[in-house]
Protein backbone atom coordinates (compact mmCIF):
# COMPACT_ATOMS: atom_id res chain seq x y z
CA UNK A 1 0.00 0.00 0.00
CA UNK A 2 1.41 3.34 -1.03
CA UNK A 3 1.05 6.46 1.11
CA UNK A 4 -0.19 9.65 -0.43
CA UNK A 5 1.63 12.94 -0.10
CA UNK A 6 -0.41 14.18 2.86
CA UNK A 7 0.27 11.00 4.82
CA UNK A 8 3.96 11.23 4.03
CA UNK A 9 4.12 14.86 5.18
CA UNK A 10 2.17 14.05 8.35
CA UNK A 11 4.61 11.26 9.21
CA UNK A 12 7.64 13.41 8.40
CA UNK A 13 6.33 16.17 10.66
CA UNK A 14 5.58 13.68 13.45
CA UNK A 15 9.18 12.45 13.25
CA UNK A 16 10.57 15.98 13.46
CA UNK A 17 11.84 16.03 9.88
CA UNK A 18 9.95 19.16 8.78
CA UNK A 19 10.82 22.69 9.92
CA UNK A 20 7.24 23.43 10.99
CA UNK A 21 6.46 24.32 14.59
CA UNK A 22 5.03 20.83 15.13
CA UNK A 23 8.05 19.22 13.50
CA UNK A 24 10.34 21.21 15.79
CA UNK A 25 8.34 20.22 18.89
CA UNK A 26 8.63 16.58 17.82
CA UNK A 27 12.37 17.05 17.34
CA UNK A 28 12.65 18.51 20.84
CA UNK A 29 10.75 15.53 22.26
CA UNK A 30 13.06 13.08 20.49
CA UNK A 31 16.17 14.94 21.65
CA UNK A 32 15.00 15.06 25.26
CA UNK A 33 14.14 11.35 25.15
CA UNK A 34 17.66 10.66 23.87
CA UNK A 35 19.27 12.71 26.67
CA UNK A 36 21.82 10.48 28.40
CA UNK A 37 20.75 11.21 31.98
CA UNK A 38 17.64 10.20 33.87
CA UNK A 39 16.88 13.90 34.39
CA UNK A 40 17.70 16.85 32.19
CA UNK A 41 19.29 20.05 33.43
CA UNK A 42 17.35 23.20 32.60
CA UNK A 43 20.23 24.74 30.63
CA UNK A 44 20.49 21.54 28.55
CA UNK A 45 16.74 21.68 27.84
CA UNK A 46 17.11 25.33 26.79
CA UNK A 47 20.00 24.35 24.51
CA UNK A 48 17.90 21.64 22.84
CA UNK A 49 14.98 24.00 22.31
CA UNK A 50 17.33 26.63 20.84
CA UNK A 51 18.96 24.03 18.58
CA UNK A 52 15.54 23.30 17.10
CA UNK A 53 15.06 27.02 16.37
CA UNK A 54 12.40 27.81 18.94
CA UNK A 55 12.65 30.65 21.43
CA UNK A 56 12.15 29.09 24.86
CA UNK A 57 9.84 31.96 25.81
CA UNK A 58 7.56 31.26 22.87
CA UNK A 59 6.67 27.75 24.08
CA UNK A 60 3.09 27.70 25.27
CA UNK A 61 1.95 25.91 28.42
CA UNK A 62 0.20 23.38 26.18
CA UNK A 63 3.42 22.71 24.24
CA UNK A 64 5.43 22.33 27.44
CA UNK A 65 2.80 19.94 28.80
CA UNK A 66 2.96 17.90 25.57
CA UNK A 67 6.73 17.70 25.77
CA UNK A 68 6.59 16.70 29.43
CA UNK A 69 3.93 14.04 28.89
CA UNK A 70 5.76 12.61 25.87
CA UNK A 71 9.00 12.08 27.75
CA UNK A 72 7.55 10.41 30.84
């Protein structure tokens, strides 16, 4: 079964491969999950968010909650 373009783009965004806001959030989640420690230092979290091109202050409470729930 072949995927159509929309499905392909949805999956790429969900994997953090697209430079959309959602793609960047997914990239942050993957990077935090891959963090070598059992907890992440705040400055390391800020560095990850910055690496993905998002201003830490622009993250909404809903986005922060999604990130937190995805990494538990």
